[in-house]
Amino acid sequence: MSEVTKAQVEEALKGYVDPYLGKDLVAAGVVKSIVIDGGSVKVELTFGFPIKGYQAQMEAQVKALVEGVEGVAAATIDTAVQIASHAAQKGVGHIKGVKNIIAVASGKGGVGKSTTSVNLALALVAEGATVGLLDADIYGPSQPRMLGVPDTKPDSPDGTKLEPVVSHGLQSMSIGYLIDEETPMIWRGPMVTQALQQLLNDTVWREVDYLVIDLPPGTGDTQLTLAQKVPVSGAVIVTTPQDIALLDARKAYKMFEKVEVPVLGVIENMSIHICSNCGHAEHIFGEGGGKSMADQYGADLLGALPLDMAIRVQADGGKPTVADDPEGQVSQIYRDIARKTAAKLSLRAKDYSARFPKIVIQNN
């Protein structure tokens, strides 16, 4: 029997093209080591994004490929996940306790952006990441109610910093935790942007891999502040297939493009409605709009979500779909979107600035 070589094992590993990275494991830099001991082979893989939902399936396929190499009697696949900080806009400072910030925008209200934001965040938690959610809609905060904690007040041990509110395994912060739910925020733009920065910087985020920011609709003060003063690693655009929604979604895309924030992809919400009585499928808001927008800008369509009454009922009830029905079909769509989003981010340049010590010169 011929001796197994590392080159043979690498060639076998090239046979697995990761569905989220779009590359084989060797080209993607996922293979960290190959240890050969006679007919036994141990392969160590390290992914840069959470993979809990498909790890077992992936390992089984990779194991079969390696054991298909002549001379290999048994293969062991060890998988680790190391989520790094990725580059943001130049000249914007790092947020303590936060590795990556993902902004979720729509350009237009009423497309289900907040519901998508909270379920995306919960899907990243389900995939194995530590996640935070910042509700950046100062005028209309909705995340406290969606997370089932509308009457919760965040702790402040020192009177200046705020502890994030934890619900369904997700850290969150919102102006909605600090005011009465029915109190209107009658503030001008500068006060809103200052409040956003305080919520972001004065919250003691607990080493989150991803901080999802649920932006208000539009391309105004809040979005501009985010682009200029907050280190955003990537953005996600939520739209419906409707032409009017797509017009505003394109504006949001162009805004991020101008401020050099990479758009990780487009999510098409309310894509199709399936009648709960007869099962008839109908594209109420049009068809293929999100795909055409993604194609137009060379972006990825991260996923399409149905117009489903359960999604609305679950969010209104404080148990979003991913938390309420983790094994359901819609939850699996959200988790697939989460993996695609995180994988796209993992392929971008890393940011090592937080690792370097700050040099302070003192005159003694």
Protein backbone atom coordinates (compact mmCIF):
# COMPACT_ATOMS: atom_id res chain seq x y z
CA MET A 1 0.00 0.00 0.00
CA SER A 2 1.43 3.40 -1.03
CA GLU A 3 2.00 6.03 1.64
CA VAL A 4 -0.61 8.80 1.83
CA THR A 5 0.74 12.26 1.02
CA LYS A 6 -0.39 15.70 2.11
CA ALA A 7 -0.84 16.65 -1.55
CA GLN A 8 -3.33 13.81 -2.03
CA VAL A 9 -5.37 14.92 0.99
CA GLU A 10 -5.33 18.56 -0.16
CA GLU A 11 -6.54 17.49 -3.59
CA ALA A 12 -9.41 15.61 -1.95
CA LEU A 13 -10.30 18.65 0.18
CA LYS A 14 -10.53 20.74 -2.99
CA GLY A 15 -13.50 18.56 -3.88
CA TYR A 16 -15.61 20.29 -1.22
CA VAL A 17 -16.76 23.74 -2.34
CA ASP A 18 -18.22 25.51 0.66
CA PRO A 19 -21.73 26.77 -0.21
CA TYR A 20 -21.27 29.98 1.80
CA LEU A 21 -17.69 30.89 0.94
CA GLY A 22 -18.10 29.91 -2.71
CA LYS A 23 -14.61 28.39 -2.71
CA ASP A 24 -13.06 25.03 -1.96
CA LEU A 25 -11.62 24.61 1.54
CA VAL A 26 -7.99 24.96 0.41
CA ALA A 27 -8.59 28.10 -1.68
CA ALA A 28 -10.63 29.64 1.14
CA GLY A 29 -7.76 29.17 3.58
CA VAL A 30 -9.93 27.11 5.90
CA VAL A 31 -7.50 24.14 6.11
CA LYS A 32 -5.14 24.79 9.03
CA SER A 33 -3.33 21.49 9.27
CA ILE A 34 -3.18 17.97 7.88
CA VAL A 35 -1.61 15.29 10.07
CA ILE A 36 -0.95 11.88 8.50
CA ASP A 37 -0.17 8.86 10.66
CA GLY A 38 -0.06 5.77 8.47
CA GLY A 39 -3.60 5.22 7.27
CA SER A 40 -5.07 7.75 9.70
CA VAL A 41 -5.54 11.37 8.66
CA LYS A 42 -6.51 14.27 10.89
CA VAL A 43 -7.66 17.49 9.20
CA GLU A 44 -8.07 20.71 11.17
CA LEU A 45 -10.42 23.33 9.71
CA THR A 46 -10.94 26.87 10.99
CA PHE A 47 -13.87 28.92 9.70
CA GLY A 48 -14.15 32.68 10.07
CA PHE A 49 -17.93 32.66 10.55
CA PRO A 50 -20.39 30.64 12.69
CA ILE A 51 -21.37 27.33 11.06
CA LYS A 52 -23.36 25.43 13.69
CA GLY A 53 -26.32 24.84 11.37
CA TYR A 54 -24.39 22.89 8.76
CA GLN A 55 -21.20 21.83 10.54
CA ALA A 56 -22.17 18.16 10.95
CA GLN A 57 -23.20 17.85 7.30
CA MET A 58 -20.02 19.58 6.12
CA GLU A 59 -17.76 17.40 8.29
CA ALA A 60 -19.45 14.21 7.04
CA GLN A 61 -18.90 15.22 3.41
CA VAL A 62 -15.28 16.24 4.00
CA LYS A 63 -14.60 13.02 5.93
CA ALA A 64 -15.98 10.96 3.03
CA LEU A 65 -13.75 12.81 0.54
CA VAL A 66 -10.61 12.24 2.61
CA GLU A 67 -11.44 8.58 3.24
CA GLY A 68 -11.83 8.22 -0.52
CA VAL A 69 -8.08 8.79 -0.94
CA GLU A 70 -6.20 5.55 -1.62
CA GLY A 71 -4.45 4.37 1.53
CA VAL A 72 -6.60 6.32 4.00
CA ALA A 73 -8.27 3.98 6.48
CA ALA A 74 -9.86 6.60 8.74
CA ALA A 75 -10.19 10.37 8.74
CA THR A 76 -10.89 12.76 11.61
CA ILE A 77 -12.22 16.25 10.91
CA ASP A 78 -11.72 18.83 13.68
CA THR A 79 -13.54 22.11 13.10
CA ALA A 80 -13.06 25.40 14.91
CA VAL A 81 -14.57 28.86 14.44
CA GLN A 82 -12.52 32.03 14.91
CA ILE A 83 -14.43 35.22 14.16
CA ALA A 84 -12.08 38.13 13.50
CA SER A 85 -12.63 41.88 13.40
CA HIS A 86 -12.94 43.14 9.84
CA ALA A 87 -11.98 46.46 8.35
CA ALA A 88 -14.40 49.38 8.53
CA GLN A 89 -14.26 52.94 7.19
CA LYS A 90 -10.87 54.65 7.44
CA GLY A 91 -10.32 56.89 10.44
CA VAL A 92 -13.24 55.57 12.50
CA GLY A 93 -12.39 54.32 15.98
CA HIS A 94 -12.96 50.80 17.31
CA ILE A 95 -15.95 50.17 19.64
CA LYS A 96 -14.87 48.39 22.81
CA GLY A 97 -16.32 44.89 23.11
CA VAL A 98 -17.46 44.76 19.47
CA LYS A 99 -15.65 42.88 16.70
CA ASN A 100 -17.91 43.67 13.75
CA ILE A 101 -20.86 45.97 13.09
CA ILE A 102 -23.48 45.01 10.51
CA ALA A 103 -25.95 47.76 9.57
CA VAL A 104 -29.41 46.70 8.38
CA ALA A 105 -31.05 49.36 6.22
CA SER A 106 -34.04 49.68 3.93
CA GLY A 107 -34.27 53.21 2.59
CA LYS A 108 -38.05 52.86 3.04
CA GLY A 109 -40.33 52.05 5.97
CA GLY A 110 -42.82 49.21 6.06
CA VAL A 111 -40.66 46.54 4.43
CA GLY A 112 -40.08 44.52 7.62
CA LYS A 113 -36.54 45.73 8.31
CA SER A 114 -36.80 45.64 12.12
CA THR A 115 -38.31 42.14 12.07
CA THR A 116 -35.57 41.03 9.71
CA SER A 117 -32.89 42.67 11.92
CA VAL A 118 -33.95 40.90 15.11
CA ASN A 119 -34.33 37.53 13.38
CA LEU A 120 -30.95 37.95 11.64
CA ALA A 121 -29.35 38.69 15.01
CA LEU A 122 -31.06 35.69 16.64
CA ALA A 123 -30.06 33.48 13.70
CA LEU A 124 -26.40 34.46 14.21
CA VAL A 125 -26.81 33.49 17.90
CA ALA A 126 -28.32 30.14 16.84
CA GLU A 127 -25.31 29.59 14.57
CA GLY A 128 -22.96 29.94 17.55
CA ALA A 129 -21.92 33.62 17.57
CA THR A 130 -22.08 36.17 20.39
CA VAL A 131 -24.37 38.90 19.10
CA GLY A 132 -25.65 42.34 20.03
CA LEU A 133 -28.54 44.34 18.58
CA LEU A 134 -28.69 48.14 18.61
CA ASP A 135 -32.05 49.71 17.87
CA ALA A 136 -30.99 52.92 16.08
CA ASP A 137 -34.54 54.10 15.42
CA ILE A 138 -34.75 56.83 18.05
CA TYR A 139 -38.18 58.08 16.94
CA GLY A 140 -39.80 54.65 16.66
CA PRO A 141 -37.93 52.03 18.72
CA SER A 142 -39.50 48.61 18.26
CA GLN A 143 -36.89 46.10 19.41
CA PRO A 144 -37.80 46.08 23.15
CA ARG A 145 -41.31 44.85 22.29
CA MET A 146 -40.08 42.41 19.64
CA LEU A 147 -37.64 40.92 22.16
CA GLY A 148 -40.37 40.59 24.79
CA VAL A 149 -38.81 43.07 27.25
CA PRO A 150 -40.68 46.37 26.67
CA ASP A 151 -40.73 47.36 30.36
CA THR A 152 -37.12 46.48 31.14
CA LYS A 153 -34.71 49.18 32.29
CA PRO A 154 -31.00 48.55 31.70
CA ASP A 155 -28.70 48.44 34.73
CA SER A 156 -26.07 51.15 35.16
CA PRO A 157 -23.57 50.13 37.88
CA ASP A 158 -21.55 53.38 37.69
CA GLY A 159 -24.26 55.81 36.59
CA THR A 160 -22.64 56.40 33.19
CA LYS A 161 -22.34 53.05 31.40
CA LEU A 162 -25.35 50.86 30.51
CA GLU A 163 -25.53 47.09 30.70
CA PRO A 164 -27.15 45.59 27.58
CA VAL A 165 -30.52 43.93 28.07
CA VAL A 166 -30.28 40.20 27.36
CA SER A 167 -33.24 38.37 25.82
CA HIS A 168 -33.27 35.06 23.90
CA GLY A 169 -29.47 34.96 24.28
CA LEU A 170 -29.11 38.32 22.50
CA GLN A 171 -27.58 41.50 23.96
CA SER A 172 -29.57 44.58 23.02
CA MET A 173 -29.83 48.32 23.58
CA SER A 174 -32.56 50.77 22.56
CA ILE A 175 -33.83 54.21 23.52
CA GLY A 176 -37.05 52.28 24.12
CA TYR A 177 -35.52 50.87 27.33
CA LEU A 178 -34.96 54.38 28.68
CA ILE A 179 -38.32 56.03 27.96
CA ASP A 180 -41.99 55.10 28.31
CA GLU A 181 -43.24 53.17 25.30
CA GLU A 182 -45.86 55.81 24.46
CA THR A 183 -43.59 58.86 24.93
CA PRO A 184 -42.86 60.56 21.59
CA MET A 185 -39.25 61.60 20.91
CA ILE A 186 -39.66 65.24 19.85
CA TRP A 187 -35.99 65.79 19.08
CA ARG A 188 -34.10 67.53 16.31
CA GLY A 189 -31.40 65.82 14.27
CA PRO A 190 -28.32 66.70 16.43
CA MET A 191 -29.97 65.30 19.57
CA VAL A 192 -30.86 62.09 17.75
CA THR A 193 -27.34 61.55 16.45
CA GLN A 194 -25.87 62.25 19.89
CA ALA A 195 -28.29 59.78 21.47
CA LEU A 196 -27.30 57.13 18.92
CA GLN A 197 -23.61 57.59 19.68
CA GLN A 198 -24.25 57.39 23.42
CA LEU A 199 -26.32 54.21 23.10
CA LEU A 200 -23.53 52.66 21.04
CA ASN A 201 -20.50 53.82 23.03
CA ASP A 202 -21.89 53.84 26.56
CA THR A 203 -23.24 50.28 26.43
CA VAL A 204 -20.94 47.64 27.95
CA TRP A 205 -21.09 45.17 25.06
CA ARG A 206 -19.87 41.74 26.20
CA GLU A 207 -17.34 40.78 23.49
CA VAL A 208 -19.86 40.48 20.67
CA ASP A 209 -18.76 38.96 17.37
CA TYR A 210 -21.46 40.87 15.49
CA LEU A 211 -23.40 43.97 16.51
CA VAL A 212 -26.46 44.25 14.27
CA ILE A 213 -27.71 47.85 13.97
CA ASP A 214 -31.37 48.22 13.06
CA LEU A 215 -31.39 51.54 11.20
CA PRO A 216 -34.44 53.77 10.77
CA PRO A 217 -35.71 54.06 7.20
CA GLY A 218 -34.24 56.70 4.92
CA THR A 219 -30.81 58.18 4.24
CA GLY A 220 -30.75 61.06 6.74
CA ASP A 221 -28.88 62.17 9.88
CA THR A 222 -28.77 58.79 11.61
CA GLN A 223 -27.40 57.00 8.56
CA LEU A 224 -24.84 59.75 7.95
CA THR A 225 -23.66 59.62 11.57
CA LEU A 226 -23.33 55.87 11.29
CA ALA A 227 -21.24 56.21 8.13
CA GLN A 228 -18.96 58.92 9.52
CA LYS A 229 -18.47 57.96 13.17
CA VAL A 230 -19.30 54.28 13.60
CA PRO A 231 -16.97 51.49 12.34
CA VAL A 232 -19.37 49.56 10.10
CA SER A 233 -17.90 46.33 8.68
CA GLY A 234 -20.76 45.75 6.26
CA ALA A 235 -24.37 46.57 5.45
CA VAL A 236 -27.43 44.55 4.49
CA ILE A 237 -30.30 46.04 2.46
CA VAL A 238 -33.87 44.85 3.12
CA THR A 239 -36.50 45.36 0.43
CA THR A 240 -39.74 43.93 -0.86
CA PRO A 241 -40.10 43.02 -4.56
CA GLN A 242 -42.32 46.08 -5.06
CA ASP A 243 -40.92 48.67 -7.48
CA ILE A 244 -41.46 51.58 -5.05
CA ALA A 245 -39.59 49.77 -2.27
CA LEU A 246 -36.76 48.93 -4.69
CA LEU A 247 -36.37 52.60 -5.63
CA ASP A 248 -35.60 53.50 -2.00
CA ALA A 249 -33.52 50.37 -1.44
CA ARG A 250 -31.29 51.44 -4.33
CA LYS A 251 -30.82 54.83 -2.62
CA ALA A 252 -29.70 53.05 0.55
CA TYR A 253 -27.28 50.96 -1.49
CA LYS A 254 -25.85 54.06 -3.16
CA MET A 255 -25.49 55.79 0.21
CA PHE A 256 -23.33 52.99 1.61
CA GLU A 257 -21.34 52.92 -1.61
CA LYS A 258 -20.54 56.64 -1.30
CA VAL A 259 -19.36 56.33 2.30
CA GLU A 260 -17.29 53.22 1.48
CA VAL A 261 -19.26 50.74 3.57
CA PRO A 262 -19.41 47.38 1.75
CA VAL A 263 -22.90 46.01 1.10
CA LEU A 264 -22.86 42.31 1.99
CA GLY A 265 -26.10 41.60 0.16
CA VAL A 266 -29.82 42.12 -0.30
CA ILE A 267 -32.67 40.41 1.57
CA GLU A 268 -36.02 40.25 -0.20
CA ASN A 269 -38.81 40.31 2.38
CA MET A 270 -42.49 39.48 1.75
CA SER A 271 -41.34 37.66 -1.36
CA ILE A 272 -44.29 35.30 -1.73
CA HIS A 273 -47.59 34.67 0.06
CA ILE A 274 -48.91 31.15 0.53
CA CYS A 275 -52.58 30.96 1.46
CA SER A 276 -53.03 29.22 4.82
CA ASN A 277 -56.37 27.75 3.63
CA CYS A 278 -55.74 26.49 0.11
CA GLY A 279 -51.94 26.63 -0.26
CA HIS A 280 -52.10 28.91 -3.31
CA ALA A 281 -48.81 30.81 -3.82
CA GLU A 282 -48.99 34.40 -5.00
CA HIS A 283 -46.38 37.17 -5.47
CA ILE A 284 -48.45 39.98 -3.96
CA PHE A 285 -45.69 42.62 -4.12
CA GLY A 286 -44.17 41.53 -7.43
CA GLU A 287 -41.54 38.96 -8.27
CA GLY A 288 -37.76 38.91 -8.54
CA GLY A 289 -37.18 42.53 -7.49
CA GLY A 290 -34.51 41.74 -4.90
CA LYS A 291 -32.66 39.48 -7.35
CA SER A 292 -32.70 42.11 -10.10
CA MET A 293 -31.37 44.75 -7.69
CA ALA A 294 -28.62 42.43 -6.47
CA ASP A 295 -27.67 41.61 -10.07
CA GLN A 296 -27.69 45.29 -11.02
CA TYR A 297 -25.10 46.15 -8.37
CA GLY A 298 -23.13 42.91 -8.41
CA ALA A 299 -24.31 42.07 -4.89
CA ASP A 300 -25.57 38.80 -3.44
CA LEU A 301 -29.23 38.00 -2.86
CA LEU A 302 -28.84 36.67 0.68
CA GLY A 303 -32.32 35.17 0.79
CA ALA A 304 -36.05 35.63 0.21
CA LEU A 305 -38.59 35.52 3.05
CA PRO A 306 -42.30 34.78 2.68
CA LEU A 307 -45.18 37.08 3.61
CA ASP A 308 -46.23 34.96 6.58
CA MET A 309 -48.65 36.05 9.30
CA ALA A 310 -46.75 33.97 11.87
CA ILE A 311 -43.64 36.16 11.47
CA ARG A 312 -45.68 39.24 12.42
CA VAL A 313 -47.54 37.52 15.27
CA GLN A 314 -44.33 36.13 16.77
CA ALA A 315 -42.52 39.50 16.62
CA ASP A 316 -45.50 41.36 18.14
CA GLY A 317 -45.62 38.74 20.90
CA GLY A 318 -42.00 39.25 21.92
CA LYS A 319 -40.78 35.90 20.58
CA PRO A 320 -39.40 36.43 17.06
CA THR A 321 -39.59 33.51 14.65
CA VAL A 322 -36.04 32.20 15.18
CA ALA A 323 -36.61 32.10 18.96
CA ASP A 324 -40.21 30.87 18.86
CA ASP A 325 -39.93 28.19 16.17
CA PRO A 326 -36.19 27.41 15.82
CA GLU A 327 -36.72 24.29 13.70
CA GLY A 328 -39.36 25.81 11.41
CA GLN A 329 -38.90 26.48 7.71
CA VAL A 330 -38.79 30.28 8.07
CA SER A 331 -36.20 30.04 10.87
CA GLN A 332 -34.02 27.90 8.60
CA ILE A 333 -34.24 30.63 5.91
CA TYR A 334 -33.11 33.23 8.47
CA ARG A 335 -30.23 31.00 9.56
CA ASP A 336 -29.17 30.46 5.96
CA ILE A 337 -29.21 34.25 5.47
CA ALA A 338 -27.15 34.67 8.65
CA ARG A 339 -24.50 32.20 7.43
CA LYS A 340 -24.33 33.91 4.02
CA THR A 341 -24.00 37.34 5.62
CA ALA A 342 -21.27 36.27 8.05
CA ALA A 343 -19.42 34.29 5.37
CA LYS A 344 -19.38 37.30 3.03
CA LEU A 345 -17.95 39.39 5.86
CA SER A 346 -15.33 36.75 6.70
CA LEU A 347 -13.86 37.11 3.20
CA ARG A 348 -13.17 40.82 3.70
CA ALA A 349 -9.93 42.33 4.99
CA LYS A 350 -9.29 41.88 8.70
CA ASP A 351 -8.76 44.73 11.15
CA TYR A 352 -5.90 44.25 13.61
CA SER A 353 -5.92 47.78 15.07
CA ALA A 354 -7.60 46.73 18.33
CA ARG A 355 -4.73 44.34 19.04
CA PHE A 356 -2.01 46.98 18.99
CA PRO A 357 -1.14 48.83 22.19
CA LYS A 358 -1.66 52.57 22.31
CA ILE A 359 1.60 54.48 22.78
CA VAL A 360 1.35 57.38 25.21
CA ILE A 361 4.21 59.85 25.55
CA GLN A 362 4.54 61.47 28.98
CA ASN A 363 6.85 64.20 30.17
CA ASN A 364 8.18 63.16 33.56
